[in-house]
Amino acid sequence: MASATGSEGCQSATVQYRIVGADGNVVGADWTSQGGLYLWKTAPGTVEVRLAPGQTVGDGCKYPVSLAEYTTEGPDWYSSGRQTLIDKATVYLTAADVAGSDDSGRTWQKLSVKTPDCYGQIDLYGDDVTYDGGTGEGHGPAPYEPGGVVTPNHLIAAWNGGEKPCTPKTPESPTPTPSEPAPSTPATPTTPAGETTPPSTDTPPTKPPTTPDVPPLESTPPTTPAPTPSDSTPPLAETGSSTPVGPVVGGAALVVAVGAGALFVTRRTRRS
């Protein structure tokens, strides 16, 4: 089990979850940290989450957990194709959400999303990023297989399923009339004798990894204060309108004039 505290502040924490029905009763297994891509047999409408017992969570540590629903192009991950985000909910777990030895009467935070009415995917994951393909702050790439985009990150558990496509199929083209020439079928290329067919370069589908360990919410770094002048740096001379420029310039001119007069008298004395 991951530790939730450490010398560097908030560390990762282990999440537990369970599915509850509209009547509030548990559907399927009770609290678990087990992850998996096909763990849920039915689409979860509401998921309760908490932090597993035996963890010490520091004050101020928060752990985001999200539930997101997508429409897909197929009923499982390998045929899901491009996914479109439909609904998302996020909660933040704290020290108040750590399970204890006796939790009778306690309530837990809940996540609810719409139930898909066509092929779809529902993900439970440990951050608050919206994986909808957006590029702004707080957004990430949408899941896509066979594109190999295995978002969301920090996936805990997922469901795939559905009974029908989300969009109607494109109608087939009409059969050509006899007056129209039928398209010719290209000949199938053959491999010359003595040569072998090169292996396929297609990579096998990647199964998204799952983990119940959730990283803490990153805090906003403190604003760096504006630098102050160093005490060792001499101040610059003032040149503003309040500076007594006139008296200073006049005094300097007087010193130059007196010095020039003294030099003239000294030269006259030497010559005489």
Foldseek 3Di string as FASTA:
>chain_A
DDAQQDPVGGWWFFKWKFAADPVRHTDPDPTDQAADAAPDPFDGFKMFMFTEAPYDHDPPWKWKKKKWKWAAQDQGLQRRAFIATDDMDMDIYGRVRYDDPDQPPPDTDMYGDDGDQFWMKMWIFTDQADQGCDDDPSYHHGDGPPVQRQDDPQTRYMGTGGDHHPDDDDDDDDDDDPVDDDDDDDDDDDDDPPDDDDDDPDDDGDDRDHGRIHGTDDDDDDDDDDDDDDPPDDDDDDDDPPDPPPVVVVVVVVVVVVVVVVVVVVVVVVVD
